[in-house]
Amino acid sequence: MGISVNGVDITDASIQLEHQAQPEKTLDEVVKEVILRAVLLQEAQKLGIEGQDDDEVIGNLLERQVKVPQADAASCLQWYEQHPTTFVQGELMTASHILFQVSETVPLELLRDKAESILADILQNPALFEQCARQYSNCPSGQVGGSLGQFSRGEMVPEFDKVVFALQAGEISPRLLETRFGLHILRCEHKLLGKRLDFAMVQNKIAQYLHEAATRQGMNHYLQQKVRAAKIEGFDLIGADSVLMQ
């Protein structure tokens, strides 16, 4: 493919070998990874950093070059206060939904128009919910009026949780929810508020989370610097210098 990093060629054979090891990735994604690894390995060689294999060399390089301080108590407390629904135990929801599932024969936009029309009817007359669930829902729950039973936060996909747990008992979400399953009309039936764990009980977990997030950010920043400083020929890496550390 005629690719080089700082004058060192990257062979087609090395790219093919990496692609065989990661067949789920596209060729472009594999090429980007090979180039990024080459940049890091060259930097490690320049600094005299060694390891048992390339992965260990890169790990040792990043550990040495990317220094992230531990999150202090004030930062942890700020995060705790800004995320009031996190670390809540015992929160339960009973909800119902009407699912409009995307299929090869029914495109998303056509499905959305139908779902929006039904949602408007239900908001106008909430008593229609169960009837519409039985008539239109593509979920087995439609046979019981759309009831999903009782569940706790985290049992559903995140976008579903976010919307349904924000509803009050008896409330129907005024907007359609889109998930990988399709489009949903949501109704909260009953809601049991949980108890939030005290800050002292979760401070260490928050500190670990913040440290890991800052480390990923620091690694991305370091990698971007090295990519910009490298002379890369034969492949356009613009916009790709943040993918390795995600």
Foldseek 3Di string as FASTA:
>chain_A
DAKDWQPHDDDPVNLVVQCVVVVVDDSQLSVLVVNLLVLQVVVLVVVVADDPDSVVSSVVSLVVPQDDDFDDLVRLVVVCVVCVVPQFPPKKFKKFKAFDFDDPVQHQVNSQVVVLVVLVVCVVPVVCQLVCLLVHGPDPCNVVSRIPGMDDPPPDPPQVSVPQVVDAAQDWDSDWGQDNRHTMTMHTHHIDGTHHDDSVVCSVVSRVVVRVVVSLVSVLVVQVVSVVVMDMPDDDCVPVSSPPSD
